[in-house]
Protein backbone atom coordinates (compact mmCIF):
# COMPACT_ATOMS: atom_id res chain seq x y z
CA UNK A 1 129.28 107.75 -129.73
CA UNK A 2 126.29 108.14 -131.94
CA UNK A 3 123.03 109.20 -130.26
CA UNK A 4 120.27 106.90 -131.41
CA UNK A 5 116.60 107.01 -130.54
CA UNK A 6 117.01 104.09 -128.15
CA UNK A 7 119.92 105.73 -126.30
CA UNK A 8 118.02 109.03 -126.10
CA UNK A 9 114.97 107.26 -124.70
CA UNK A 10 117.15 105.52 -122.11
CA UNK A 11 118.80 108.80 -121.06
CA UNK A 12 115.41 110.47 -120.69
CA UNK A 13 114.09 107.57 -118.61
CA UNK A 14 117.18 107.68 -116.36
CA UNK A 15 116.81 111.41 -115.73
CA UNK A 16 113.08 111.05 -115.01
CA UNK A 17 113.71 108.18 -112.61
CA UNK A 18 116.29 110.26 -110.72
CA UNK A 19 113.66 112.88 -109.85
CA UNK A 20 110.59 110.67 -109.60
CA UNK A 21 108.96 110.77 -106.20
CA UNK A 22 111.26 113.48 -104.83
CA UNK A 23 109.16 116.39 -103.54
CA UNK A 24 110.30 119.91 -104.29
CA UNK A 25 110.90 120.65 -100.60
CA UNK A 26 113.71 118.08 -100.58
CA UNK A 27 115.52 119.82 -103.42
CA UNK A 28 116.97 122.60 -101.31
CA UNK A 29 116.31 126.31 -101.10
CA UNK A 30 116.42 126.85 -104.87
CA UNK A 31 113.84 124.10 -105.43
CA UNK A 32 111.58 125.57 -102.77
CA UNK A 33 111.83 128.99 -104.41
CA UNK A 34 110.98 127.51 -107.78
CA UNK A 35 107.99 125.64 -106.34
CA UNK A 36 106.75 128.73 -104.46
CA UNK A 37 107.10 130.88 -107.58
CA UNK A 38 105.23 128.30 -109.68
CA UNK A 39 102.42 128.09 -107.11
CA UNK A 40 102.11 131.88 -106.99
CA UNK A 41 102.00 132.09 -110.80
CA UNK A 42 99.32 129.39 -110.93
CA UNK A 43 97.26 131.22 -108.31
CA UNK A 44 97.55 134.51 -110.23
CA UNK A 45 96.57 132.79 -113.50
CA UNK A 46 93.57 131.16 -111.84
CA UNK A 47 92.49 134.47 -110.28
CA UNK A 48 92.91 136.30 -113.60
CA UNK A 49 90.93 133.61 -115.43
CA UNK A 50 88.07 133.88 -112.94
CA UNK A 51 88.04 137.67 -113.28
CA UNK A 52 88.08 137.40 -117.08
CA UNK A 53 85.17 134.97 -117.07
CA UNK A 54 83.23 137.25 -114.72
CA UNK A 55 83.78 140.18 -117.11
CA UNK A 56 82.75 138.16 -120.17
CA UNK A 57 79.73 136.50 -118.57
CA UNK A 58 78.56 138.53 -115.58
CA UNK A 59 76.66 136.31 -113.18
CA UNK A 60 77.94 133.07 -114.67
CA UNK A 61 79.38 131.95 -111.33
CA UNK A 62 75.95 132.22 -109.73
CA UNK A 63 74.33 130.38 -112.65
CA UNK A 64 76.87 127.56 -112.40
CA UNK A 65 76.34 127.24 -108.67
CA UNK A 66 72.59 127.14 -109.33
CA UNK A 67 73.11 124.37 -111.89
CA UNK A 68 74.88 122.36 -109.19
CA UNK A 69 71.97 123.07 -106.85
CA UNK A 70 73.81 125.51 -104.61
CA UNK A 71 71.64 128.28 -103.16
CA UNK A 72 72.66 130.88 -100.59
CA UNK A 73 71.96 130.07 -96.97
CA UNK A 74 68.57 130.93 -95.48
CA UNK A 75 66.95 131.07 -98.91
CA UNK A 76 65.45 127.59 -98.81
CA UNK A 77 63.49 125.64 -96.24
CA UNK A 78 62.79 121.90 -96.05
CA UNK A 79 59.14 120.93 -95.96
CA UNK A 80 57.86 118.07 -93.79
CA UNK A 81 56.81 116.27 -96.99
CA UNK A 82 60.39 116.30 -98.30
CA UNK A 83 59.97 119.26 -100.65
CA UNK A 84 62.20 122.29 -100.63
CA UNK A 85 60.68 125.74 -100.47
CA UNK A 86 62.65 128.64 -101.91
CA UNK A 87 61.79 132.22 -101.10
CA UNK A 88 59.98 133.83 -104.00
CA UNK A 89 62.30 136.83 -104.23
CA UNK A 90 65.40 134.57 -104.19
CA UNK A 91 63.95 132.45 -106.99
CA UNK A 92 63.00 135.53 -109.00
CA UNK A 93 66.44 137.04 -108.48
CA UNK A 94 68.14 133.85 -109.66
CA UNK A 95 66.06 133.80 -112.83
CA UNK A 96 66.05 137.46 -113.83
CA UNK A 97 68.77 139.34 -111.96
CA UNK A 98 71.35 139.61 -114.69
CA UNK A 99 69.38 138.39 -117.66
CA UNK A 100 69.65 141.67 -119.57
CA UNK A 101 73.39 141.99 -118.89
CA UNK A 102 73.93 138.42 -120.05
CA UNK A 103 71.81 138.98 -123.17
CA UNK A 104 73.73 142.17 -124.02
CA UNK A 105 77.12 140.49 -123.52
CA UNK A 106 76.12 137.48 -125.62
CA UNK A 107 74.85 139.77 -128.37
CA UNK A 108 78.11 141.70 -128.22
CA UNK A 109 80.01 138.45 -128.74
CA UNK A 110 77.90 137.64 -131.82
CA UNK A 111 75.51 135.12 -130.30
CA UNK A 112 71.92 135.20 -131.52
CA UNK A 113 68.61 134.54 -129.83
CA UNK A 114 66.19 132.03 -131.33
CA UNK A 115 64.03 134.85 -132.72
CA UNK A 116 67.02 136.54 -134.37
CA UNK A 117 68.19 133.23 -135.79
CA UNK A 118 64.76 132.51 -137.29
CA UNK A 119 64.63 136.00 -138.84
CA UNK A 120 68.03 135.43 -140.44
CA UNK A 121 67.09 132.01 -141.83
CA UNK A 122 63.77 133.37 -143.14
CA UNK A 123 65.65 136.22 -144.85
CA UNK A 124 67.98 133.69 -146.51
CA UNK A 125 65.01 131.61 -147.63
CA UNK A 126 63.30 134.71 -149.06
CA UNK A 127 66.53 135.72 -150.81
CA UNK A 128 66.75 132.25 -152.37
CA UNK A 129 63.23 132.68 -153.76
CA UNK A 130 63.98 136.20 -155.01
CA UNK A 131 61.56 137.81 -152.57
CA UNK A 132 64.02 139.40 -150.16
CA UNK A 133 62.78 142.69 -148.73
CA UNK A 134 59.17 142.23 -149.86
CA UNK A 135 56.49 142.62 -147.22
CA UNK A 136 54.58 139.50 -146.33
């Protein structure tokens, strides 16, 4: 029997249909062990990824929660006019708490601020004119 693409596709479909809709818990002890091991590995990977992101961008979790509008409890109060009041120190902390750490980490990764970027582009423009290094 020669294995053609059509026969291979049919075999694959048959095998997939055998296992479709069957939860891992119905596959016996071995299947449960496999599922448990896979879940544990996924949890460890997720935890490691969160820790890595926290090391690379300290405070990023707080910034993301702020972008979604999440603020810690007891740091905001509803006004009778429908406005939300945030404590001044909480607002200041959200804006400046880890700004220097974030700036240092971004610089370490090779990211540039707008001022640095403009200095670089001005230096290239001066070099193109033959005036690089001259005082302005």
